[in-house]
C-alpha atoms as a PDB file:
ATOM      1  CA  MET A   1      87.168 113.627 139.456  1.00  0.00           C
ATOM      2  CA  PRO A   2      84.008 114.452 141.472  1.00  0.00           C
ATOM      3  CA  ALA A   3      81.242 111.841 141.367  1.00  0.00           C
ATOM      4  CA  VAL A   4      77.767 113.130 140.570  1.00  0.00           C
ATOM      5  CA  ILE A   5      75.188 111.798 143.019  1.00  0.00           C
ATOM      6  CA  SER A   6      71.866 112.876 141.542  1.00  0.00           C
ATOM      7  CA  ARG A   7      68.575 112.495 143.397  1.00  0.00           C
ATOM      8  CA  THR A   8      66.524 113.513 140.381  1.00  0.00           C
ATOM      9  CA  THR A   9      65.252 111.294 137.591  1.00  0.00           C
ATOM     10  CA  ILE A  10      67.563 112.534 134.865  1.00  0.00           C
ATOM     11  CA  LYS A  11      67.153 110.844 131.490  1.00  0.00           C
ATOM     12  CA  SER A  12      69.615 111.873 128.875  1.00  0.00           C
ATOM     13  CA  ALA A  13      68.712 111.427 125.269  1.00  0.00           C
ATOM     14  CA  ILE A  14      71.584 109.056 124.632  1.00  0.00           C
ATOM     15  CA  GLY A  15      70.473 107.187 127.711  1.00  0.00           C
ATOM     16  CA  ALA A  16      67.013 106.821 126.230  1.00  0.00           C
ATOM     17  CA  GLY A  17      68.525 105.412 123.064  1.00  0.00           C
ATOM     18  CA  THR A  18      70.670 103.014 125.078  1.00  0.00           C
ATOM     19  CA  VAL A  19      67.610 101.838 126.962  1.00  0.00           C
ATOM     20  CA  VAL A  20      65.954 101.047 123.637  1.00  0.00           C
ATOM     21  CA  ALA A  21      68.912  98.920 122.614  1.00  0.00           C
ATOM     22  CA  CYS A  22      69.038  97.140 125.964  1.00  0.00           C
ATOM     23  CA  LEU A  23      65.361  96.280 125.764  1.00  0.00           C
ATOM     24  CA  VAL A  24      66.049  94.534 122.484  1.00  0.00           C
ATOM     25  CA  VAL A  25      69.331  92.842 123.370  1.00  0.00           C
ATOM     26  CA  THR A  26      68.495  91.798 126.931  1.00  0.00           C
ATOM     27  CA  ALA A  27      64.751  91.271 126.699  1.00  0.00           C
ATOM     28  CA  GLY A  28      65.188  87.672 127.750  1.00  0.00           C
ATOM     29  CA  ARG A  29      66.667  88.750 131.076  1.00  0.00           C
ATOM     30  CA  MET A  30      64.040  91.373 131.868  1.00  0.00           C
ATOM     31  CA  ILE A  31      60.519  90.998 133.186  1.00  0.00           C
ATOM     32  CA  ALA A  32      58.350  91.550 130.123  1.00  0.00           C
ATOM     33  CA  VAL A  33      54.775  90.672 130.957  1.00  0.00           C
ATOM     34  CA  PRO A  34      52.184  90.588 128.151  1.00  0.00           C
ATOM     35  CA  GLN A  35      48.878  91.972 129.353  1.00  0.00           C
ATOM     36  CA  PRO A  36      45.341  90.998 128.330  1.00  0.00           C
ATOM     37  CA  SER A  37      43.622  93.079 125.676  1.00  0.00           C
ATOM     38  CA  GLY A  38      41.469  94.713 128.329  1.00  0.00           C
ATOM     39  CA  GLY A  39      44.368  96.903 129.466  1.00  0.00           C
ATOM     40  CA  PHE A  40      47.003  97.285 132.155  1.00  0.00           C
ATOM     41  CA  ALA A  41      46.644  96.818 135.860  1.00  0.00           C
ATOM     42  CA  GLN A  42      46.472 100.152 137.662  1.00  0.00           C
ATOM     43  CA  THR A  43      49.743  99.572 139.548  1.00  0.00           C
ATOM     44  CA  ALA A  44      51.778  98.352 136.589  1.00  0.00           C
ATOM     45  CA  ILE A  45      53.561 101.639 135.955  1.00  0.00           C
ATOM     46  CA  ASP A  46      54.947 101.687 139.516  1.00  0.00           C
ATOM     47  CA  GLU A  47      56.450  98.201 139.361  1.00  0.00           C
ATOM     48  CA  PRO A  48      60.029  97.495 138.179  1.00  0.00           C
ATOM     49  CA  ALA A  49      58.897  95.627 135.108  1.00  0.00           C
ATOM     50  CA  ARG A  50      58.110  96.177 131.430  1.00  0.00           C
ATOM     51  CA  PHE A  51      54.498  95.389 130.574  1.00  0.00           C
ATOM     52  CA  GLU A  52      53.464  94.952 126.954  1.00  0.00           C
ATOM     53  CA  MET A  53      50.052  94.946 125.286  1.00  0.00           C
ATOM     54  CA  ALA A  54      49.013  94.412 121.682  1.00  0.00           C
ATOM     55  CA  LEU A  55      47.654  97.451 119.836  1.00  0.00           C
ATOM     56  CA  ASP A  56      44.179  97.357 118.345  1.00  0.00           C
ATOM     57  CA  ALA A  57      43.951  97.470 114.559  1.00  0.00           C
ATOM     58  CA  ASN A  58      43.257 101.213 114.301  1.00  0.00           C
ATOM     59  CA  SER A  59      45.989 102.199 116.766  1.00  0.00           C
ATOM     60  CA  GLU A  60      48.473  99.881 115.092  1.00  0.00           C
ATOM     61  CA  ALA A  61      47.850 101.438 111.687  1.00  0.00           C
ATOM     62  CA  VAL A  62      48.507 104.925 113.074  1.00  0.00           C
ATOM     63  CA  VAL A  63      51.648 103.872 114.961  1.00  0.00           C
ATOM     64  CA  LEU A  64      53.064 101.956 111.993  1.00  0.00           C
ATOM     65  CA  ALA A  65      52.530 104.975 109.743  1.00  0.00           C
ATOM     66  CA  ARG A  66      54.425 107.167 112.225  1.00  0.00           C
ATOM     67  CA  ALA A  67      57.198 104.609 112.511  1.00  0.00           C
ATOM     68  CA  GLY A  68      57.528 104.327 108.741  1.00  0.00           C
ATOM     69  CA  LYS A  69      57.812 108.092 108.368  1.00  0.00           C
ATOM     70  CA  THR A  70      60.443 108.223 111.131  1.00  0.00           C
ATOM     71  CA  ARG A  71      62.401 105.318 109.655  1.00  0.00           C
ATOM     72  CA  ASP A  72      62.570 106.999 106.266  1.00  0.00           C
ATOM     73  CA  ALA A  73      63.384 110.408 107.757  1.00  0.00           C
ATOM     74  CA  LEU A  74      66.350 108.962 109.634  1.00  0.00           C
ATOM     75  CA  GLY A  75      67.511 106.716 106.820  1.00  0.00           C
ATOM     76  CA  PHE A  76      66.974 103.499 108.753  1.00  0.00           C
ATOM     77  CA  PRO A  77      66.686 100.237 106.764  1.00  0.00           C
ATOM     78  CA  VAL A  78      63.277  98.797 105.877  1.00  0.00           C
ATOM     79  CA  GLY A  79      62.699  95.482 107.620  1.00  0.00           C
ATOM     80  CA  ALA A  80      61.172  92.328 106.159  1.00  0.00           C
ATOM     81  CA  ARG A  81      58.532  92.531 108.899  1.00  0.00           C
ATOM     82  CA  HIS A  82      57.797  94.467 112.062  1.00  0.00           C
ATOM     83  CA  THR A  83      56.280  94.141 115.490  1.00  0.00           C
ATOM     84  CA  SER A  84      54.275  96.761 117.366  1.00  0.00           C
ATOM     85  CA  LYS A  85      53.124  97.018 120.951  1.00  0.00           C
ATOM     86  CA  HIS A  86      52.053  99.387 123.696  1.00  0.00           C
ATOM     87  CA  VAL A  87      54.526  99.434 126.592  1.00  0.00           C
ATOM     88  CA  ARG A  88      54.171 100.416 130.201  1.00  0.00           C
ATOM     89  CA  ASP A  89      57.705 100.676 131.543  1.00  0.00           C
ATOM     90  CA  GLY A  90      58.089 100.543 135.316  1.00  0.00           C
ATOM     91  CA  PHE A  91      61.855 100.990 135.031  1.00  0.00           C
ATOM     92  CA  GLU A  92      61.522 104.411 133.389  1.00  0.00           C
ATOM     93  CA  GLN A  93      58.019 105.148 134.701  1.00  0.00           C
ATOM     94  CA  ALA A  94      56.910 105.824 131.155  1.00  0.00           C
ATOM     95  CA  GLU A  95      54.247 104.631 128.742  1.00  0.00           C
ATOM     96  CA  TYR A  96      54.696 104.534 124.972  1.00  0.00           C
ATOM     97  CA  ASP A  97      54.060 102.730 121.687  1.00  0.00           C
ATOM     98  CA  GLU A  98      56.988 100.823 120.215  1.00  0.00           C
ATOM     99  CA  VAL A  99      57.718  99.475 116.730  1.00  0.00           C
ATOM    100  CA  SER A 100      60.617  97.152 115.863  1.00  0.00           C
ATOM    101  CA  GLU A 101      61.821  96.569 112.300  1.00  0.00           C
ATOM    102  CA  ILE A 102      63.063  92.996 111.776  1.00  0.00           C
ATOM    103  CA  ASP A 103      65.150  91.704 108.862  1.00  0.00           C
ATOM    104  CA  ALA A 104      64.758  88.413 106.959  1.00  0.00           C
ATOM    105  CA  SER A 105      67.031  86.574 109.404  1.00  0.00           C
ATOM    106  CA  GLY A 106      64.929  87.642 112.393  1.00  0.00           C
ATOM    107  CA  ARG A 107      67.340  90.277 113.669  1.00  0.00           C
ATOM    108  CA  VAL A 108      65.973  93.588 114.949  1.00  0.00           C
ATOM    109  CA  THR A 109      67.341  96.398 112.784  1.00  0.00           C
ATOM    110  CA  SER A 110      65.716  99.395 114.489  1.00  0.00           C
ATOM    111  CA  VAL A 111      63.381 100.358 117.318  1.00  0.00           C
ATOM    112  CA  THR A 112      61.139 103.433 117.435  1.00  0.00           C
ATOM    113  CA  GLN A 113      59.056 104.735 120.336  1.00  0.00           C
ATOM    114  CA  PHE A 114      56.221 107.289 120.506  1.00  0.00           C
ATOM    115  CA  ASP A 115      54.732 108.907 123.617  1.00  0.00           C
ATOM    116  CA  ALA A 116      51.066 109.157 124.558  1.00  0.00           C
ATOM    117  CA  GLN A 117      50.642 112.235 122.338  1.00  0.00           C
ATOM    118  CA  GLY A 118      52.108 110.402 119.334  1.00  0.00           C
ATOM    119  CA  ARG A 119      55.378 112.364 119.428  1.00  0.00           C
ATOM    120  CA  LEU A 120      58.673 110.695 118.688  1.00  0.00           C
ATOM    121  CA  ARG A 121      60.363 109.653 121.915  1.00  0.00           C
ATOM    122  CA  ALA A 122      63.383 107.645 120.744  1.00  0.00           C
ATOM    123  CA  ALA A 123      64.687 105.794 117.688  1.00  0.00           C
ATOM    124  CA  MET A 124      67.800 103.686 117.247  1.00  0.00           C
ATOM    125  CA  ARG A 125      69.200 101.582 114.425  1.00  0.00           C
ATOM    126  CA  LEU A 126      70.870  98.316 115.372  1.00  0.00           C
ATOM    127  CA  ASP A 127      71.719  96.786 112.014  1.00  0.00           C
ATOM    128  CA  SER A 128      75.351  97.672 111.312  1.00  0.00           C
ATOM    129  CA  ALA A 129      78.472  99.555 112.349  1.00  0.00           C
ATOM    130  CA  PRO A 130      79.867 102.693 110.671  1.00  0.00           C
ATOM    131  CA  ARG A 131      81.584 102.256 107.322  1.00  0.00           C
ATOM    132  CA  ALA A 132      85.358 102.451 107.760  1.00  0.00           C
ATOM    133  CA  GLY A 133      87.365 105.272 106.226  1.00  0.00           C
ATOM    134  CA  LEU A 134      84.530 107.818 106.172  1.00  0.00           C
ATOM    135  CA  ASN A 135      84.541 110.773 108.560  1.00  0.00           C
ATOM    136  CA  VAL A 136      81.766 113.327 108.327  1.00  0.00           C
ATOM    137  CA  THR A 137      82.657 116.938 109.170  1.00  0.00           C
ATOM    138  CA  ARG A 138      81.051 118.893 111.999  1.00  0.00           C
ATOM    139  CA  GLU A 139      79.135 121.127 109.598  1.00  0.00           C
ATOM    140  CA  ALA A 140      77.853 118.181 107.575  1.00  0.00           C
ATOM    141  CA  ALA A 141      76.850 116.354 110.768  1.00  0.00           C
ATOM    142  CA  ILE A 142      74.839 119.356 111.983  1.00  0.00           C
ATOM    143  CA  ARG A 143      73.070 119.733 108.638  1.00  0.00           C
ATOM    144  CA  SER A 144      72.222 116.030 108.534  1.00  0.00           C
ATOM    145  CA  ALA A 145      70.967 115.990 112.126  1.00  0.00           C
ATOM    146  CA  GLN A 146      68.804 119.091 111.585  1.00  0.00           C
ATOM    147  CA  ARG A 147      67.373 117.795 108.328  1.00  0.00           C
ATOM    148  CA  SER A 148      66.577 114.373 109.770  1.00  0.00           C
ATOM    149  CA  ALA A 149      65.053 115.708 112.995  1.00  0.00           C
ATOM    150  CA  VAL A 150      62.770 118.096 111.111  1.00  0.00           C
ATOM    151  CA  ALA A 151      61.758 115.335 108.687  1.00  0.00           C
ATOM    152  CA  ALA A 152      60.895 113.189 111.707  1.00  0.00           C
ATOM    153  CA  GLY A 153      58.541 115.916 112.960  1.00  0.00           C
ATOM    154  CA  LEU A 154      60.703 117.640 115.579  1.00  0.00           C
ATOM    155  CA  ALA A 155      61.057 121.415 115.771  1.00  0.00           C
ATOM    156  CA  VAL A 156      64.786 122.172 115.904  1.00  0.00           C
ATOM    157  CA  ASP A 157      66.927 125.059 114.714  1.00  0.00           C
ATOM    158  CA  THR A 158      70.522 125.881 115.584  1.00  0.00           C
ATOM    159  CA  PRO A 159      71.866 123.232 117.984  1.00  0.00           C
ATOM    160  CA  ASN A 160      73.294 124.123 121.378  1.00  0.00           C
ATOM    161  CA  ALA A 161      76.181 121.684 121.029  1.00  0.00           C
ATOM    162  CA  ALA A 162      77.927 119.478 118.472  1.00  0.00           C
ATOM    163  CA  GLU A 163      80.374 117.118 120.157  1.00  0.00           C
ATOM    164  CA  VAL A 164      82.773 114.517 118.815  1.00  0.00           C
ATOM    165  CA  ASP A 165      82.119 110.996 120.105  1.00  0.00           C
ATOM    166  CA  GLU A 166      85.630 110.217 121.344  1.00  0.00           C
ATOM    167  CA  ALA A 167      84.846 106.572 122.064  1.00  0.00           C
ATOM    168  CA  ASN A 168      83.175 105.516 118.826  1.00  0.00           C
ATOM    169  CA  GLY A 169      83.701 108.361 116.382  1.00  0.00           C
ATOM    170  CA  GLY A 170      80.910 110.351 114.836  1.00  0.00           C
ATOM    171  CA  TRP A 171      79.026 113.253 116.356  1.00  0.00           C
ATOM    172  CA  THR A 172      76.394 114.012 118.963  1.00  0.00           C
ATOM    173  CA  ILE A 173      74.180 117.014 118.161  1.00  0.00           C
ATOM    174  CA  ARG A 174      72.057 118.458 120.954  1.00  0.00           C
ATOM    175  CA  TRP A 175      69.204 120.963 121.287  1.00  0.00           C
ATOM    176  CA  ALA A 176      68.289 122.144 124.794  1.00  0.00           C
ATOM    177  CA  ARG A 177      64.584 122.621 125.493  1.00  0.00           C
ATOM    178  CA  GLN A 178      63.226 126.023 126.496  1.00  0.00           C
ATOM    179  CA  GLN A 179      59.759 127.070 127.602  1.00  0.00           C
ATOM    180  CA  ASP A 180      58.831 130.769 127.475  1.00  0.00           C
ATOM    181  CA  GLY A 181      62.502 131.494 126.868  1.00  0.00           C
ATOM    182  CA  ILE A 182      63.606 129.675 130.036  1.00  0.00           C
ATOM    183  CA  ARG A 183      65.714 126.514 130.019  1.00  0.00           C
ATOM    184  CA  VAL A 184      64.048 123.250 131.028  1.00  0.00           C
ATOM    185  CA  ARG A 185      66.649 121.455 133.105  1.00  0.00           C
ATOM    186  CA  ASP A 186      67.605 117.966 131.803  1.00  0.00           C
ATOM    187  CA  ASP A 187      65.354 118.239 128.705  1.00  0.00           C
ATOM    188  CA  GLU A 188      66.798 118.073 125.214  1.00  0.00           C
ATOM    189  CA  THR A 189      66.670 116.529 121.767  1.00  0.00           C
ATOM    190  CA  ARG A 190      69.803 114.580 120.841  1.00  0.00           C
ATOM    191  CA  VAL A 191      70.928 113.015 117.555  1.00  0.00           C
ATOM    192  CA  HIS A 192      73.929 110.715 117.289  1.00  0.00           C
ATOM    193  CA  LEU A 193      75.600 110.183 113.920  1.00  0.00           C
ATOM    194  CA  TRP A 194      78.104 107.499 113.053  1.00  0.00           C
ATOM    195  CA  SER A 195      81.446 108.615 111.654  1.00  0.00           C
ATOM    196  CA  ASP A 196      80.199 107.890 108.123  1.00  0.00           C
ATOM    197  CA  GLY A 197      77.377 110.427 108.581  1.00  0.00           C
ATOM    198  CA  ARG A 198      74.447 108.040 109.020  1.00  0.00           C
ATOM    199  CA  ILE A 199      71.976 108.677 111.837  1.00  0.00           C
ATOM    200  CA  GLN A 200      72.447 106.057 114.550  1.00  0.00           C
ATOM    201  CA  SER A 201      69.955 107.339 117.132  1.00  0.00           C
ATOM    202  CA  LEU A 202      67.586 110.159 117.974  1.00  0.00           C
ATOM    203  CA  ALA A 203      65.923 110.772 121.297  1.00  0.00           C
ATOM    204  CA  ARG A 204      63.825 113.452 122.936  1.00  0.00           C
ATOM    205  CA  VAL A 205      63.671 113.980 126.701  1.00  0.00           C
ATOM    206  CA  GLU A 206      60.746 116.143 127.745  1.00  0.00           C
ATOM    207  CA  HIS A 207      59.116 116.458 131.157  1.00  0.00           C
ATOM    208  CA  ASP A 208      55.669 117.810 131.965  1.00  0.00           C
ATOM    209  CA  LEU A 209      55.649 121.386 133.238  1.00  0.00           C
ATOM    210  CA  ALA A 210      53.503 122.883 135.967  1.00  0.00           C
ATOM    211  CA  SER A 211      51.800 126.221 135.450  1.00  0.00           C
ATOM    212  CA  PRO A 212      54.126 129.149 136.190  1.00  0.00           C
ATOM    213  CA  PRO A 213      53.425 131.008 139.452  1.00  0.00           C
ATOM    214  CA  ASP A 214      51.116 134.016 139.333  1.00  0.00           C
ATOM    215  CA  ARG A 215      53.784 136.032 141.110  1.00  0.00           C
ATOM    216  CA  ARG A 216      57.495 135.344 140.791  1.00  0.00           C
ATOM    217  CA  ILE A 217      60.082 136.063 143.460  1.00  0.00           C
ATOM    218  CA  GLY A 218      63.238 137.868 142.368  1.00  0.00           C
ATOM    219  CA  SER A 219      66.795 136.617 142.399  1.00  0.00           C
ATOM    220  CA  GLY A 220      67.485 138.510 145.623  1.00  0.00           C
ATOM    221  CA  GLN A 221      64.743 136.662 147.513  1.00  0.00           C
ATOM    222  CA  ALA A 222      65.912 133.381 146.056  1.00  0.00           C
ATOM    223  CA  ARG A 223      69.466 134.058 147.185  1.00  0.00           C
ATOM    224  CA  GLN A 224      68.207 134.828 150.694  1.00  0.00           C
ATOM    225  CA  ALA A 225      66.302 131.531 150.750  1.00  0.00           C
ATOM    226  CA  VAL A 226      69.428 129.620 149.724  1.00  0.00           C
ATOM    227  CA  SER A 227      71.584 131.410 152.284  1.00  0.00           C
ATOM    228  CA  ALA A 228      69.086 130.796 155.092  1.00  0.00           C
ATOM    229  CA  THR A 229      68.909 127.096 154.242  1.00  0.00           C
ATOM    230  CA  VAL A 230      72.653 126.500 153.956  1.00  0.00           C
ATOM    231  CA  ASP A 231      73.352 128.628 157.054  1.00  0.00           C
ATOM    232  CA  ARG A 232      71.041 126.310 158.996  1.00  0.00           C
ATOM    233  CA  TRP A 233      72.764 123.197 157.622  1.00  0.00           C
ATOM    234  CA  PHE A 234      76.241 124.497 158.451  1.00  0.00           C
ATOM    235  CA  ALA A 235      75.387 126.049 161.839  1.00  0.00           C
ATOM    236  CA  GLY A 236      77.949 125.061 164.464  1.00  0.00           C
ATOM    237  CA  ARG A 237      80.231 123.414 161.941  1.00  0.00           C
ATOM    238  CA  ASN A 238      83.578 124.565 160.631  1.00  0.00           C
ATOM    239  CA  SER A 239      82.153 125.162 157.154  1.00  0.00           C
ATOM    240  CA  ALA A 240      81.286 128.029 154.860  1.00  0.00           C
ATOM    241  CA  TYR A 241      80.108 128.403 151.274  1.00  0.00           C
ATOM    242  CA  THR A 242      79.858 130.586 148.199  1.00  0.00           C
ATOM    243  CA  ILE A 243      76.822 130.885 145.927  1.00  0.00           C
ATOM    244  CA  GLN A 244      78.525 130.539 142.550  1.00  0.00           C
ATOM    245  CA  SER A 245      75.531 131.046 140.282  1.00  0.00           C
ATOM    246  CA  LEU A 246      71.797 131.630 140.340  1.00  0.00           C
ATOM    247  CA  ALA A 247      69.579 131.161 137.283  1.00  0.00           C
ATOM    248  CA  LEU A 248      65.878 130.814 136.533  1.00  0.00           C
ATOM    249  CA  GLU A 249      65.041 127.364 135.119  1.00  0.00           C
ATOM    250  CA  TRP A 250      62.319 124.752 134.999  1.00  0.00           C
ATOM    251  CA  ALA A 251      63.435 122.037 137.444  1.00  0.00           C
ATOM    252  CA  GLY A 252      62.075 118.764 138.790  1.00  0.00           C
ATOM    253  CA  PRO A 253      61.068 118.635 142.471  1.00  0.00           C
ATOM    254  CA  ASN A 254      62.786 115.812 144.358  1.00  0.00           C
ATOM    255  CA  GLY A 255      63.758 114.579 147.809  1.00  0.00           C
ATOM    256  CA  ALA A 256      67.466 115.431 147.633  1.00  0.00           C
ATOM    257  CA  PHE A 257      67.269 117.533 150.815  1.00  0.00           C
ATOM    258  CA  ASP A 258      63.853 116.516 152.173  1.00  0.00           C
ATOM    259  CA  PRO A 259      62.774 112.837 152.194  1.00  0.00           C
ATOM    260  CA  ALA A 260      59.165 113.961 152.669  1.00  0.00           C
ATOM    261  CA  ARG A 261      59.219 115.183 149.067  1.00  0.00           C
ATOM    262  CA  VAL A 262      59.952 111.716 147.665  1.00  0.00           C
ATOM    263  CA  THR A 263      57.014 110.462 145.591  1.00  0.00           C
ATOM    264  CA  ASP A 264      56.262 107.262 143.690  1.00  0.00           C
ATOM    265  CA  SER A 265      55.761 109.046 140.381  1.00  0.00           C
ATOM    266  CA  PRO A 266      57.561 111.954 138.663  1.00  0.00           C
ATOM    267  CA  GLN A 267      56.187 115.398 139.415  1.00  0.00           C
ATOM    268  CA  PRO A 268      55.814 118.157 136.811  1.00  0.00           C
ATOM    269  CA  TYR A 269      58.804 120.456 136.578  1.00  0.00           C
ATOM    270  CA  ARG A 270      58.323 123.805 138.277  1.00  0.00           C
ATOM    271  CA  LEU A 271      59.744 127.230 137.621  1.00  0.00           C
ATOM    272  CA  ALA A 272      62.614 127.653 140.061  1.00  0.00           C
ATOM    273  CA  TRP A 273      65.740 129.604 140.833  1.00  0.00           C
ATOM    274  CA  VAL A 274      68.622 127.128 140.536  1.00  0.00           C
ATOM    275  CA  ALA A 275      71.581 127.930 142.797  1.00  0.00           C
ATOM    276  CA  ASN A 276      75.003 126.284 142.639  1.00  0.00           C
ATOM    277  CA  VAL A 277      76.627 126.409 146.075  1.00  0.00           C
ATOM    278  CA  LYS A 278      80.323 125.670 146.634  1.00  0.00           C
ATOM    279  CA  PRO A 279      81.135 124.526 150.215  1.00  0.00           C
ATOM    280  CA  THR A 280      84.416 125.400 151.892  1.00  0.00           C
ATOM    281  CA  GLY A 281      85.990 124.294 155.142  1.00  0.00           C
ATOM    282  CA  ALA A 282      85.060 120.912 156.635  1.00  0.00           C
ATOM    283  CA  ALA A 283      82.041 120.437 154.345  1.00  0.00           C
ATOM    284  CA  ALA A 284      84.275 120.573 151.276  1.00  0.00           C
ATOM    285  CA  ASN A 285      85.848 117.274 152.361  1.00  0.00           C
ATOM    286  CA  TYR A 286      82.694 115.386 151.456  1.00  0.00           C
ATOM    287  CA  VAL A 287      80.629 117.708 149.231  1.00  0.00           C
ATOM    288  CA  TRP A 288      82.157 119.319 146.158  1.00  0.00           C
ATOM    289  CA  LEU A 289      79.054 121.202 144.970  1.00  0.00           C
ATOM    290  CA  MET A 290      75.396 121.516 145.953  1.00  0.00           C
ATOM    291  CA  THR A 291      72.587 122.606 143.653  1.00  0.00           C
ATOM    292  CA  LEU A 292      69.394 123.888 145.266  1.00  0.00           C
ATOM    293  CA  TYR A 293      66.046 124.482 143.528  1.00  0.00           C
ATOM    294  CA  VAL A 294      64.108 127.425 144.966  1.00  0.00           C
ATOM    295  CA  ASP A 295      60.443 127.551 143.950  1.00  0.00           C
ATOM    296  CA  ALA A 296      59.985 130.755 141.964  1.00  0.00           C
ATOM    297  CA  GLY A 297      56.544 131.251 143.480  1.00  0.00           C
ATOM    298  CA  ASP A 298      56.841 130.706 147.225  1.00  0.00           C
ATOM    299  CA  GLY A 299      60.611 130.588 147.772  1.00  0.00           C
ATOM    300  CA  SER A 300      60.667 127.070 149.254  1.00  0.00           C
ATOM    301  CA  ILE A 301      63.459 124.581 148.558  1.00  0.00           C
ATOM    302  CA  ILE A 302      61.917 121.931 146.314  1.00  0.00           C
ATOM    303  CA  GLY A 303      64.960 119.767 145.579  1.00  0.00           C
ATOM    304  CA  GLY A 304      68.371 119.772 143.989  1.00  0.00           C
ATOM    305  CA  ASP A 305      71.504 117.703 143.453  1.00  0.00           C
ATOM    306  CA  VAL A 306      74.788 116.987 145.211  1.00  0.00           C
ATOM    307  CA  VAL A 307      78.206 116.401 143.702  1.00  0.00           C
ATOM    308  CA  GLU A 308      80.454 114.518 146.135  1.00  0.00           C
END
């Protein structure tokens, strides 16, 4: 099976939920540095560490109210106590508020995160496994996921996918993000339900978007840009290619094909023509598929991915 070698910062919703769990379970093995009440150091977000800071009384009240609403919307258990903090995460290059519900024995039962705008970022329950012998249907799973997501303040309608979790049972319900009717690559809302129908996790992946270009190149110009680029790469080599698809999407600039584009912090996603290119000949021995992002404004190659 081809191995995906991605140069972009792709954060799946389930991945976000898994990160939440890992922060709880392996906190003792990670660098978690409490910061003084005055705030974070300027460079903290760029370091591979998780920095934590106590919330002030007013901020804590707001965050706890949001967390309580989310907990009830998702059917998570009410803890005997809770902790709250502001986190600057150098691993994910993200900043958010986090609330943990803790039971009477001191065990974390759920974790909820909110972004800088107060929107739900991720939530996961950690208290128990699915109840044996119960298997929710696809239709019931979709209804439960929709109802819970809306109650938690997310705008969702008909999901794009409802998939069986082959490893653990249950269902994963997904909604792809669109902006102005155009898909935002990598962005989605995802809800995972246990086989007994309870919500196990919810996460939202959403990148910042740049302003769309004043003038947009057409698919023909984008195809020419892709062809010119790949022709240059393959010049003098026993290789050819086919452009399998070309679609307009919001995509994240990266240094997949140009190291000069590598930056220390994520860049806003830009409107781009996304081309999937299938190599043939000698190139096919080491590259199974290439994806190129063509800026929809100026026609430049702003990044992509490679499947080896």
